[in-house]
Structures are given as C-alpha cells and as structure tokens.
N, C-alpha and C. Protein backbone atom coordinates (compact mmCIF):
# COMPACT_ATOMS: atom_id res chain seq x y z
N MET A 1 57.51 40.08 16.16
CA MET A 1 56.66 41.17 15.64
C MET A 1 55.74 40.64 14.55
N MET A 2 54.46 40.93 14.67
CA MET A 2 53.49 40.44 13.69
C MET A 2 53.55 41.27 12.42
N MET A 3 53.64 40.60 11.28
CA MET A 3 53.69 41.30 10.01
C MET A 3 52.31 41.82 9.64
N LYS A 4 52.29 43.01 9.03
CA LYS A 4 51.02 43.58 8.59
C LYS A 4 50.50 42.82 7.38
N PRO A 5 49.19 42.67 7.29
CA PRO A 5 48.64 41.97 6.13
C PRO A 5 48.68 42.83 4.88
N SER A 6 48.80 42.17 3.74
CA SER A 6 48.56 42.86 2.48
C SER A 6 47.05 42.79 2.25
N SER A 7 46.59 43.22 1.09
CA SER A 7 45.15 43.22 0.89
C SER A 7 44.78 42.97 -0.56
N LEU A 8 43.55 42.49 -0.75
CA LEU A 8 42.94 42.33 -2.06
C LEU A 8 41.81 43.34 -2.16
N ARG A 9 41.69 43.95 -3.31
CA ARG A 9 40.64 44.95 -3.50
C ARG A 9 39.43 44.31 -4.16
N ILE A 10 38.24 44.61 -3.66
CA ILE A 10 37.00 44.19 -4.30
C ILE A 10 36.82 45.05 -5.55
N VAL A 11 36.59 44.42 -6.69
CA VAL A 11 36.69 45.15 -7.96
C VAL A 11 35.36 45.59 -8.55
N GLY A 12 34.23 45.15 -7.97
CA GLY A 12 32.95 45.56 -8.54
C GLY A 12 31.82 45.50 -7.53
N GLY A 13 30.72 46.14 -7.86
CA GLY A 13 29.53 46.06 -7.03
C GLY A 13 29.48 47.06 -5.90
N SER A 14 28.62 46.79 -4.93
CA SER A 14 28.36 47.73 -3.84
C SER A 14 29.56 47.93 -2.92
N LEU A 15 30.47 46.96 -2.89
CA LEU A 15 31.66 47.06 -2.03
C LEU A 15 32.92 47.38 -2.82
N LYS A 16 32.77 47.83 -4.04
CA LYS A 16 33.92 48.14 -4.89
C LYS A 16 34.88 49.09 -4.17
N GLY A 17 36.16 48.72 -4.19
CA GLY A 17 37.18 49.53 -3.55
C GLY A 17 37.50 49.12 -2.13
N ARG A 18 36.60 48.40 -1.47
CA ARG A 18 36.89 47.88 -0.12
C ARG A 18 37.93 46.77 -0.24
N THR A 19 38.58 46.45 0.86
CA THR A 19 39.68 45.50 0.81
C THR A 19 39.44 44.29 1.71
N ILE A 20 40.12 43.21 1.35
CA ILE A 20 40.11 41.96 2.11
C ILE A 20 41.55 41.71 2.53
N PRO A 21 41.86 41.60 3.82
CA PRO A 21 43.25 41.39 4.23
C PRO A 21 43.76 40.01 3.87
N VAL A 22 45.02 39.95 3.50
CA VAL A 22 45.71 38.68 3.23
C VAL A 22 46.92 38.64 4.16
N PHE A 23 46.89 37.74 5.12
CA PHE A 23 47.94 37.71 6.13
C PHE A 23 49.14 36.90 5.65
N PRO A 24 50.35 37.41 5.87
CA PRO A 24 51.56 36.69 5.46
C PRO A 24 51.64 35.32 6.11
N GLY A 25 52.18 34.37 5.38
CA GLY A 25 52.40 33.05 5.93
C GLY A 25 51.26 32.08 5.75
N LEU A 26 50.09 32.57 5.32
CA LEU A 26 48.98 31.65 5.08
C LEU A 26 49.17 30.96 3.73
N SER A 27 48.88 29.67 3.71
CA SER A 27 49.13 28.87 2.50
C SER A 27 47.97 29.00 1.52
N ILE A 28 47.81 30.20 0.99
CA ILE A 28 46.72 30.44 0.06
C ILE A 28 47.24 31.14 -1.19
N ARG A 29 46.48 31.02 -2.26
CA ARG A 29 46.83 31.62 -3.55
C ARG A 29 45.60 32.37 -4.03
N PRO A 30 45.42 33.62 -3.57
CA PRO A 30 44.19 34.33 -3.91
C PRO A 30 44.05 34.56 -5.41
N THR A 31 42.82 34.51 -5.89
CA THR A 31 42.54 34.84 -7.28
C THR A 31 42.81 36.32 -7.50
N SER A 32 43.59 36.64 -8.53
CA SER A 32 43.99 38.02 -8.77
C SER A 32 42.79 38.91 -9.07
N GLN A 33 42.97 40.21 -8.85
CA GLN A 33 41.90 41.16 -9.12
C GLN A 33 41.52 41.14 -10.60
N LYS A 34 42.52 41.06 -11.47
CA LYS A 34 42.25 41.03 -12.91
C LYS A 34 41.43 39.80 -13.29
N ALA A 35 41.81 38.65 -12.74
CA ALA A 35 41.08 37.41 -13.06
C ALA A 35 39.67 37.45 -12.50
N ARG A 36 39.50 37.99 -11.28
CA ARG A 36 38.16 38.10 -10.70
C ARG A 36 37.26 39.00 -11.53
N GLU A 37 37.82 40.12 -11.96
CA GLU A 37 37.02 41.05 -12.77
C GLU A 37 36.58 40.39 -14.07
N ALA A 38 37.50 39.65 -14.71
CA ALA A 38 37.16 38.96 -15.95
C ALA A 38 36.12 37.86 -15.70
N LEU A 39 36.29 37.12 -14.61
CA LEU A 39 35.36 36.04 -14.29
C LEU A 39 33.94 36.56 -14.12
N PHE A 40 33.78 37.61 -13.34
CA PHE A 40 32.44 38.12 -13.11
C PHE A 40 31.87 38.84 -14.32
N GLY A 41 32.75 39.26 -15.22
CA GLY A 41 32.27 39.76 -16.50
C GLY A 41 31.62 38.66 -17.31
N ILE A 42 32.17 37.45 -17.21
CA ILE A 42 31.59 36.29 -17.90
C ILE A 42 30.26 35.88 -17.25
N ILE A 43 30.26 35.80 -15.93
CA ILE A 43 29.06 35.36 -15.22
C ILE A 43 27.92 36.36 -15.42
N GLY A 44 28.25 37.63 -15.40
CA GLY A 44 27.26 38.67 -15.66
C GLY A 44 26.12 38.69 -14.66
N GLU A 45 24.91 38.89 -15.16
CA GLU A 45 23.74 39.06 -14.29
C GLU A 45 23.30 37.76 -13.62
N LYS A 46 23.89 36.65 -14.01
CA LYS A 46 23.54 35.37 -13.36
C LYS A 46 23.86 35.40 -11.87
N ILE A 47 24.79 36.27 -11.47
CA ILE A 47 25.18 36.31 -10.06
C ILE A 47 24.12 37.02 -9.21
N ILE A 48 23.28 37.83 -9.82
CA ILE A 48 22.29 38.60 -9.06
C ILE A 48 21.25 37.66 -8.44
N ARG A 49 21.09 37.80 -7.13
CA ARG A 49 20.17 36.99 -6.31
C ARG A 49 20.55 35.50 -6.30
N ALA A 50 21.77 35.18 -6.68
CA ALA A 50 22.21 33.78 -6.72
C ALA A 50 22.60 33.27 -5.34
N THR A 51 22.44 31.96 -5.16
CA THR A 51 23.00 31.26 -4.01
C THR A 51 24.30 30.62 -4.46
N VAL A 52 25.39 30.94 -3.77
CA VAL A 52 26.74 30.60 -4.23
C VAL A 52 27.47 29.81 -3.15
N ALA A 53 28.29 28.85 -3.56
CA ALA A 53 29.22 28.18 -2.64
C ALA A 53 30.63 28.47 -3.12
N ASP A 54 31.44 29.03 -2.22
CA ASP A 54 32.85 29.30 -2.49
C ASP A 54 33.64 28.21 -1.79
N LEU A 55 33.93 27.14 -2.52
CA LEU A 55 34.60 25.97 -1.96
C LEU A 55 36.11 26.14 -2.08
N PHE A 56 36.87 25.67 -1.09
CA PHE A 56 38.30 25.96 -0.99
C PHE A 56 38.46 27.49 -0.94
N SER A 57 37.73 28.16 -0.07
CA SER A 57 37.55 29.61 -0.18
C SER A 57 38.78 30.45 0.15
N GLY A 58 39.70 29.96 1.00
CA GLY A 58 40.90 30.75 1.29
C GLY A 58 40.55 32.11 1.87
N THR A 59 40.90 33.18 1.16
CA THR A 59 40.59 34.54 1.62
C THR A 59 39.11 34.86 1.50
N GLY A 60 38.38 34.09 0.70
CA GLY A 60 36.97 34.39 0.46
C GLY A 60 36.75 35.44 -0.61
N ALA A 61 37.80 35.78 -1.36
CA ALA A 61 37.71 36.87 -2.32
C ALA A 61 36.62 36.65 -3.36
N ILE A 62 36.48 35.41 -3.85
CA ILE A 62 35.46 35.14 -4.88
C ILE A 62 34.06 35.29 -4.29
N GLY A 63 33.82 34.70 -3.14
CA GLY A 63 32.50 34.78 -2.53
C GLY A 63 32.12 36.19 -2.12
N ILE A 64 33.08 36.93 -1.59
CA ILE A 64 32.82 38.32 -1.20
C ILE A 64 32.54 39.16 -2.44
N GLU A 65 33.29 38.92 -3.50
CA GLU A 65 33.03 39.63 -4.77
C GLU A 65 31.61 39.32 -5.26
N ALA A 66 31.19 38.06 -5.12
CA ALA A 66 29.84 37.67 -5.54
C ALA A 66 28.78 38.43 -4.74
N LEU A 67 28.98 38.54 -3.42
CA LEU A 67 28.02 39.28 -2.59
C LEU A 67 28.00 40.76 -2.97
N SER A 68 29.17 41.31 -3.22
CA SER A 68 29.25 42.72 -3.62
C SER A 68 28.48 42.97 -4.91
N ARG A 69 28.45 41.96 -5.79
CA ARG A 69 27.81 42.12 -7.09
C ARG A 69 26.36 41.65 -7.11
N GLY A 70 25.80 41.36 -5.95
CA GLY A 70 24.37 41.10 -5.89
C GLY A 70 23.93 39.70 -5.58
N ALA A 71 24.86 38.78 -5.28
CA ALA A 71 24.46 37.43 -4.87
C ALA A 71 23.63 37.51 -3.59
N ALA A 72 22.64 36.63 -3.49
CA ALA A 72 21.77 36.64 -2.31
C ALA A 72 22.50 36.15 -1.07
N ARG A 73 23.30 35.09 -1.23
CA ARG A 73 24.01 34.52 -0.10
C ARG A 73 25.13 33.63 -0.60
N VAL A 74 26.15 33.48 0.26
CA VAL A 74 27.33 32.68 -0.10
C VAL A 74 27.72 31.80 1.08
N ALA A 75 27.98 30.53 0.77
CA ALA A 75 28.54 29.59 1.74
C ALA A 75 30.04 29.48 1.47
N PHE A 76 30.85 29.74 2.48
CA PHE A 76 32.30 29.67 2.36
C PHE A 76 32.78 28.39 3.03
N VAL A 77 33.57 27.60 2.31
CA VAL A 77 34.06 26.32 2.83
C VAL A 77 35.57 26.25 2.69
N ASP A 78 36.25 25.94 3.78
CA ASP A 78 37.70 25.72 3.74
C ASP A 78 38.05 24.83 4.92
N LYS A 79 38.99 23.93 4.73
CA LYS A 79 39.34 23.02 5.82
C LYS A 79 40.32 23.63 6.82
N ASN A 80 40.90 24.78 6.48
CA ASN A 80 41.88 25.41 7.35
C ASN A 80 41.19 26.40 8.29
N PRO A 81 41.19 26.12 9.60
CA PRO A 81 40.48 27.00 10.53
C PRO A 81 41.05 28.41 10.59
N THR A 82 42.35 28.56 10.35
CA THR A 82 42.94 29.90 10.34
C THR A 82 42.39 30.73 9.20
N HIS A 83 42.28 30.11 8.01
CA HIS A 83 41.69 30.80 6.87
C HIS A 83 40.27 31.27 7.19
N LEU A 84 39.47 30.37 7.76
CA LEU A 84 38.07 30.69 8.05
C LEU A 84 37.94 31.74 9.14
N SER A 85 38.86 31.74 10.10
CA SER A 85 38.84 32.75 11.15
C SER A 85 39.09 34.14 10.57
N ARG A 86 40.10 34.24 9.71
CA ARG A 86 40.39 35.52 9.05
C ARG A 86 39.22 35.95 8.17
N LEU A 87 38.66 34.99 7.45
CA LEU A 87 37.54 35.30 6.57
C LEU A 87 36.33 35.78 7.37
N SER A 88 36.06 35.13 8.49
CA SER A 88 34.93 35.53 9.33
C SER A 88 35.09 36.97 9.81
N GLN A 89 36.32 37.36 10.15
CA GLN A 89 36.59 38.74 10.55
C GLN A 89 36.29 39.70 9.41
N ALA A 90 36.67 39.32 8.19
CA ALA A 90 36.41 40.17 7.03
C ALA A 90 34.91 40.32 6.78
N LEU A 91 34.17 39.22 6.94
CA LEU A 91 32.72 39.27 6.73
C LEU A 91 32.05 40.19 7.75
N ILE A 92 32.53 40.17 8.99
CA ILE A 92 32.00 41.07 10.01
C ILE A 92 32.29 42.52 9.63
N ARG A 93 33.53 42.79 9.25
CA ARG A 93 33.93 44.16 8.92
C ARG A 93 33.15 44.71 7.73
N LEU A 94 32.80 43.83 6.78
CA LEU A 94 32.08 44.26 5.57
C LEU A 94 30.56 44.14 5.71
N ASN A 95 30.11 43.79 6.91
CA ASN A 95 28.66 43.65 7.19
C ASN A 95 27.99 42.61 6.29
N LEU A 96 28.66 41.48 6.10
CA LEU A 96 28.15 40.43 5.22
C LEU A 96 27.72 39.17 5.97
N VAL A 97 27.77 39.21 7.29
CA VAL A 97 27.44 38.02 8.08
C VAL A 97 26.03 37.50 7.81
N PRO A 98 25.00 38.38 7.71
CA PRO A 98 23.64 37.85 7.49
C PRO A 98 23.47 37.11 6.17
N GLN A 99 24.36 37.36 5.22
CA GLN A 99 24.24 36.74 3.89
C GLN A 99 25.21 35.59 3.69
N SER A 100 25.80 35.08 4.77
CA SER A 100 26.86 34.08 4.58
C SER A 100 26.88 33.06 5.71
N ILE A 101 27.46 31.91 5.39
CA ILE A 101 27.84 30.94 6.41
C ILE A 101 29.27 30.50 6.11
N THR A 102 29.99 30.08 7.15
CA THR A 102 31.33 29.54 6.97
C THR A 102 31.38 28.14 7.56
N LEU A 103 32.00 27.24 6.84
CA LEU A 103 32.14 25.85 7.27
C LEU A 103 33.60 25.45 7.22
N THR A 104 34.14 25.05 8.37
CA THR A 104 35.50 24.56 8.42
C THR A 104 35.46 23.05 8.24
N ALA A 105 35.74 22.60 7.03
CA ALA A 105 35.61 21.17 6.75
C ALA A 105 36.32 20.81 5.46
N ASP A 106 36.77 19.58 5.38
CA ASP A 106 37.23 18.99 4.13
C ASP A 106 36.07 19.02 3.14
N ILE A 107 36.38 19.16 1.87
CA ILE A 107 35.35 19.30 0.84
C ILE A 107 34.34 18.16 0.87
N TYR A 108 34.80 16.93 1.09
CA TYR A 108 33.89 15.78 1.04
C TYR A 108 32.96 15.74 2.25
N LEU A 109 33.45 16.22 3.40
CA LEU A 109 32.59 16.31 4.58
C LEU A 109 31.64 17.51 4.45
N ALA A 110 32.14 18.59 3.88
CA ALA A 110 31.33 19.80 3.77
C ALA A 110 30.07 19.57 2.95
N ILE A 111 30.19 18.81 1.86
CA ILE A 111 29.02 18.63 1.00
C ILE A 111 28.01 17.63 1.57
N GLN A 112 28.33 17.08 2.75
CA GLN A 112 27.35 16.27 3.48
C GLN A 112 26.79 17.03 4.69
N ASN A 113 27.32 18.25 4.90
CA ASN A 113 26.92 19.04 6.06
C ASN A 113 25.49 19.56 5.91
N GLN A 114 24.69 19.40 6.94
CA GLN A 114 23.28 19.78 6.85
C GLN A 114 23.07 21.28 6.65
N ASN A 115 23.98 22.09 7.18
CA ASN A 115 23.87 23.54 6.96
C ASN A 115 24.04 23.87 5.49
N LEU A 116 24.99 23.21 4.85
CA LEU A 116 25.21 23.46 3.42
C LEU A 116 24.07 22.86 2.60
N LEU A 117 23.67 21.65 2.92
CA LEU A 117 22.58 21.01 2.18
C LEU A 117 21.28 21.79 2.31
N GLY A 118 21.11 22.46 3.43
CA GLY A 118 19.90 23.25 3.64
C GLY A 118 19.81 24.47 2.74
N TRP A 119 20.92 24.84 2.13
CA TRP A 119 20.93 25.99 1.21
C TRP A 119 20.67 25.58 -0.23
N ARG A 120 20.55 24.30 -0.49
CA ARG A 120 20.31 23.86 -1.88
C ARG A 120 19.00 24.43 -2.41
N PRO A 121 18.90 24.64 -3.75
CA PRO A 121 19.94 24.42 -4.75
C PRO A 121 20.84 25.65 -4.91
N PHE A 122 22.11 25.40 -5.24
CA PHE A 122 23.05 26.48 -5.51
C PHE A 122 23.02 26.83 -6.99
N ASP A 123 23.18 28.11 -7.26
CA ASP A 123 23.22 28.58 -8.64
C ASP A 123 24.64 28.57 -9.20
N VAL A 124 25.61 28.79 -8.32
CA VAL A 124 27.02 28.78 -8.72
C VAL A 124 27.84 28.07 -7.65
N LEU A 125 28.64 27.10 -8.08
CA LEU A 125 29.62 26.44 -7.21
C LEU A 125 31.00 26.80 -7.74
N PHE A 126 31.79 27.46 -6.90
CA PHE A 126 33.12 27.86 -7.32
C PHE A 126 34.16 26.99 -6.62
N LEU A 127 35.04 26.37 -7.41
CA LEU A 127 36.07 25.47 -6.89
C LEU A 127 37.45 26.06 -7.17
N ASP A 128 38.20 26.32 -6.11
CA ASP A 128 39.57 26.81 -6.28
C ASP A 128 40.51 26.01 -5.39
N PRO A 129 40.69 24.71 -5.69
CA PRO A 129 41.56 23.88 -4.86
C PRO A 129 43.03 24.23 -5.09
N PRO A 130 43.93 23.74 -4.23
CA PRO A 130 45.36 23.92 -4.50
C PRO A 130 45.71 23.40 -5.89
N TYR A 131 46.70 24.03 -6.52
CA TYR A 131 47.06 23.64 -7.88
C TYR A 131 47.46 22.16 -7.97
N GLN A 132 47.97 21.59 -6.88
CA GLN A 132 48.38 20.19 -6.90
C GLN A 132 47.27 19.26 -6.38
N PHE A 133 46.04 19.75 -6.34
CA PHE A 133 44.93 18.93 -5.84
C PHE A 133 44.82 17.65 -6.66
N PRO A 134 44.73 16.48 -5.99
CA PRO A 134 44.89 15.22 -6.71
C PRO A 134 43.76 14.79 -7.63
N ASP A 135 42.51 15.12 -7.32
CA ASP A 135 41.43 14.48 -8.09
C ASP A 135 40.18 15.35 -8.16
N ILE A 136 40.15 16.26 -9.12
CA ILE A 136 38.96 17.10 -9.30
C ILE A 136 37.78 16.26 -9.79
N ASN A 137 38.06 15.16 -10.49
CA ASN A 137 36.98 14.28 -10.95
C ASN A 137 36.15 13.78 -9.77
N LYS A 138 36.84 13.37 -8.70
CA LYS A 138 36.14 12.86 -7.52
C LYS A 138 35.26 13.94 -6.90
N VAL A 139 35.75 15.17 -6.87
CA VAL A 139 34.96 16.28 -6.33
C VAL A 139 33.70 16.49 -7.16
N LEU A 140 33.84 16.49 -8.48
CA LEU A 140 32.69 16.70 -9.36
C LEU A 140 31.65 15.59 -9.18
N VAL A 141 32.11 14.36 -9.08
CA VAL A 141 31.19 13.23 -8.86
C VAL A 141 30.46 13.40 -7.53
N SER A 142 31.19 13.81 -6.49
CA SER A 142 30.58 14.00 -5.17
C SER A 142 29.57 15.14 -5.17
N LEU A 143 29.88 16.21 -5.89
CA LEU A 143 28.94 17.34 -5.98
C LEU A 143 27.65 16.93 -6.67
N GLU A 144 27.78 16.12 -7.72
CA GLU A 144 26.58 15.65 -8.41
C GLU A 144 25.74 14.76 -7.50
N ALA A 145 26.40 13.86 -6.77
CA ALA A 145 25.68 12.94 -5.89
C ALA A 145 24.94 13.70 -4.79
N ALA A 146 25.52 14.81 -4.33
CA ALA A 146 24.89 15.60 -3.27
C ALA A 146 23.75 16.48 -3.78
N ARG A 147 23.59 16.54 -5.09
CA ARG A 147 22.52 17.34 -5.72
C ARG A 147 22.51 18.78 -5.21
N LEU A 148 23.70 19.38 -5.20
CA LEU A 148 23.83 20.74 -4.70
C LEU A 148 23.39 21.78 -5.71
N LEU A 149 23.53 21.49 -7.00
CA LEU A 149 23.37 22.51 -8.03
C LEU A 149 21.96 22.57 -8.58
N ALA A 150 21.49 23.79 -8.82
CA ALA A 150 20.22 23.98 -9.52
C ALA A 150 20.37 23.49 -10.96
N PRO A 151 19.29 23.05 -11.60
CA PRO A 151 19.38 22.53 -12.97
C PRO A 151 20.04 23.48 -13.95
N SER A 152 19.86 24.77 -13.75
CA SER A 152 20.46 25.76 -14.66
C SER A 152 21.74 26.36 -14.10
N GLY A 153 22.25 25.78 -13.01
CA GLY A 153 23.43 26.32 -12.36
C GLY A 153 24.72 25.96 -13.06
N LEU A 154 25.82 26.48 -12.53
CA LEU A 154 27.11 26.18 -13.14
C LEU A 154 28.18 25.98 -12.07
N VAL A 155 29.18 25.19 -12.44
CA VAL A 155 30.37 24.98 -11.63
C VAL A 155 31.53 25.67 -12.32
N ILE A 156 32.31 26.42 -11.57
CA ILE A 156 33.49 27.09 -12.11
C ILE A 156 34.70 26.55 -11.36
N TYR A 157 35.62 25.95 -12.11
CA TYR A 157 36.82 25.33 -11.54
C TYR A 157 38.02 26.18 -11.93
N GLU A 158 38.69 26.76 -10.94
CA GLU A 158 39.90 27.55 -11.19
C GLU A 158 41.12 26.65 -11.05
N HIS A 159 42.01 26.71 -12.02
CA HIS A 159 43.18 25.83 -11.99
C HIS A 159 44.36 26.42 -12.75
N PHE A 160 45.52 25.82 -12.59
CA PHE A 160 46.74 26.21 -13.30
C PHE A 160 46.58 25.89 -14.78
N HIS A 161 47.18 26.73 -15.61
CA HIS A 161 46.95 26.59 -17.05
C HIS A 161 47.46 25.26 -17.63
N LYS A 162 48.41 24.61 -16.94
CA LYS A 162 48.92 23.33 -17.45
C LYS A 162 48.06 22.14 -17.01
N THR A 163 47.13 22.37 -16.11
CA THR A 163 46.20 21.32 -15.70
C THR A 163 45.18 21.10 -16.81
N VAL A 164 44.91 19.84 -17.12
CA VAL A 164 43.93 19.51 -18.16
C VAL A 164 42.71 18.89 -17.47
N PRO A 165 41.65 19.66 -17.28
CA PRO A 165 40.46 19.13 -16.61
C PRO A 165 39.65 18.25 -17.56
N PRO A 166 38.80 17.39 -17.02
CA PRO A 166 38.01 16.51 -17.89
C PRO A 166 36.97 17.29 -18.69
N ASP A 167 36.68 16.80 -19.89
CA ASP A 167 35.61 17.40 -20.70
C ASP A 167 34.25 17.10 -20.09
N SER A 168 34.12 15.91 -19.52
CA SER A 168 32.87 15.53 -18.88
C SER A 168 33.15 14.52 -17.77
N VAL A 169 32.32 14.58 -16.73
CA VAL A 169 32.38 13.64 -15.61
C VAL A 169 30.95 13.42 -15.15
N GLY A 170 30.50 12.18 -15.14
CA GLY A 170 29.11 11.94 -14.78
C GLY A 170 28.20 12.72 -15.72
N HIS A 171 27.34 13.56 -15.14
CA HIS A 171 26.47 14.41 -15.95
C HIS A 171 27.01 15.82 -16.11
N TRP A 172 28.25 16.05 -15.66
CA TRP A 172 28.87 17.36 -15.87
C TRP A 172 29.45 17.45 -17.27
N SER A 173 29.23 18.57 -17.92
CA SER A 173 29.78 18.80 -19.25
C SER A 173 30.50 20.14 -19.27
N GLN A 174 31.76 20.13 -19.72
CA GLN A 174 32.52 21.37 -19.83
C GLN A 174 31.99 22.17 -21.03
N PHE A 175 31.73 23.47 -20.83
CA PHE A 175 31.22 24.26 -21.95
C PHE A 175 32.00 25.53 -22.22
N ARG A 176 32.98 25.86 -21.35
CA ARG A 176 33.76 27.07 -21.60
C ARG A 176 35.03 27.03 -20.79
N ARG A 177 36.10 27.63 -21.36
CA ARG A 177 37.34 27.84 -20.62
C ARG A 177 37.81 29.27 -20.90
N ALA A 178 38.38 29.90 -19.89
CA ALA A 178 38.89 31.26 -20.05
C ALA A 178 40.21 31.36 -19.28
N ARG A 179 41.26 31.84 -19.96
CA ARG A 179 42.58 31.91 -19.34
C ARG A 179 42.98 33.36 -19.10
N TYR A 180 43.58 33.59 -17.91
CA TYR A 180 44.12 34.89 -17.54
C TYR A 180 45.48 34.67 -16.90
N GLY A 181 46.55 34.87 -17.66
CA GLY A 181 47.89 34.56 -17.17
C GLY A 181 48.03 33.06 -16.95
N ASP A 182 48.46 32.67 -15.76
CA ASP A 182 48.60 31.25 -15.43
C ASP A 182 47.30 30.63 -14.93
N THR A 183 46.27 31.45 -14.76
CA THR A 183 45.00 30.99 -14.20
C THR A 183 43.99 30.68 -15.30
N VAL A 184 43.31 29.55 -15.17
CA VAL A 184 42.24 29.18 -16.10
C VAL A 184 40.97 28.91 -15.31
N PHE A 185 39.86 29.40 -15.82
CA PHE A 185 38.54 29.06 -15.29
C PHE A 185 37.87 28.11 -16.28
N THR A 186 37.50 26.93 -15.79
CA THR A 186 36.78 25.96 -16.62
C THR A 186 35.35 25.88 -16.09
N PHE A 187 34.40 26.00 -17.00
CA PHE A 187 32.98 26.05 -16.64
C PHE A 187 32.30 24.72 -16.97
N TYR A 188 31.50 24.24 -16.02
CA TYR A 188 30.72 23.02 -16.21
C TYR A 188 29.24 23.30 -15.97
N GLU A 189 28.41 22.57 -16.69
CA GLU A 189 26.97 22.58 -16.45
C GLU A 189 26.48 21.15 -16.40
N LEU A 190 25.31 20.95 -15.84
CA LEU A 190 24.72 19.62 -15.77
C LEU A 190 23.95 19.32 -17.05
N MET A 191 24.26 18.20 -17.67
CA MET A 191 23.47 17.74 -18.81
C MET A 191 22.21 17.09 -18.28
N SER A 192 21.10 17.28 -18.96
CA SER A 192 19.88 16.57 -18.57
C SER A 192 20.06 15.11 -18.91
N GLU A 193 19.39 14.24 -18.16
CA GLU A 193 19.54 12.80 -18.38
C GLU A 193 19.07 12.41 -19.77
N SER A 194 18.13 13.15 -20.32
CA SER A 194 17.64 12.83 -21.66
C SER A 194 18.68 13.13 -22.73
N THR A 195 19.60 14.10 -22.41
CA THR A 195 20.61 14.50 -23.38
C THR A 195 21.58 13.38 -23.68
N ASP A 196 21.95 12.59 -22.64
CA ASP A 196 22.96 11.57 -22.86
C ASP A 196 22.35 10.17 -22.96
N THR A 197 21.06 10.09 -23.21
CA THR A 197 20.43 8.80 -23.41
C THR A 197 20.39 8.48 -24.90
N PRO A 198 20.91 7.31 -25.35
CA PRO A 198 20.91 6.99 -26.78
C PRO A 198 19.51 6.99 -27.36
C-alpha cells in the first residue's frame, strides 16, 4: 500500500497557502516553513523579478517559494531523478512550468549544462546540500568559475548549525549568517577584483 504524502505549505506570495507534497521514504530534508519565511524576509524585494537557481533542490520548496514571491524564473537542480519527477509534478499542479526548468544532474555537471548557462546571470543561487556534504568550498569555486552569478547577486548556503563554512573562498566573501533552530543560512557575495588587490 502506497503511503500518502505529507506536505509543505508555501508561506508567502501569490501561492501562499498552497502545498508541496513530500513523499515518505525520499532522502530529503526540506527547509522548514519557519526558516523559509525568515529567509525570504531577509532577501526581501531582491527576489522580485530575480533569476534563481535552487541547487540540491529536493522538494523544490525554496525555488517554489521564490516564484510565489515574484521571482521571474527558477532553475531546479537535483541529482535524484525521483526528487525531480515529484517536483515536476508539483510545478505542473501550481502552473509554474513556464517559469522553471529542472535538471537531473550532479552539481558539478549541472553548472556546465548549456540550459543552465543560458539563464546566466543568476541573481540568487541557493545551496542546500546534504548536511554531510564533503566540500562546499569546491562547489563555491566551481560556481565562480562558471560565472553564474550577477555582480550584485548572492549565494545562500543552508547548513547544519555545527558546520563552520569558510569566511571566504576565491572571490566569495561571507557577509551574513542567520540561524533558525538547527538550520543556518550563510550568505556570500562576490568581491570585486579591485577590492582584494593590494
């Protein structure tokens, strides 16, 4: 007998109150409603008309929340085809297909994908890897090399509160951290090359 899915509620914007199904047995850790609400309170109007990448997207809750709050379009990336299949169904149900693409790929392959590169520059890159993800530094270096981010854009890295992310990697500079329970959002921006030149 197939178990019924639980659900996540969209907490703001045009789709406020609509739900995203979370199917039992999937190896995902969705961002809580409280944490999502706080996160988008920090981002504020920057999300309006933004191009967003929801990397390690899982349920797609962050990217869908971004679209609900006025983002122009969102690219969803996850290496698990089951996750992306469920997410694609949710995007159809919420009438968000025209504003989104889904890529089933490892993060390092995804950022070389021509469909993703064709959406550059991104205003917001959201990273929510598994808590035991081995090397966020490598991801940040790869993102910089791919030139995905707009000069005024930001990277948001969601992680366990005991994880200590780097203050800087390449031209990325950490400028804010916000904790909600066991979840921490660490914010990075790109330093201009003139800033770090002696």
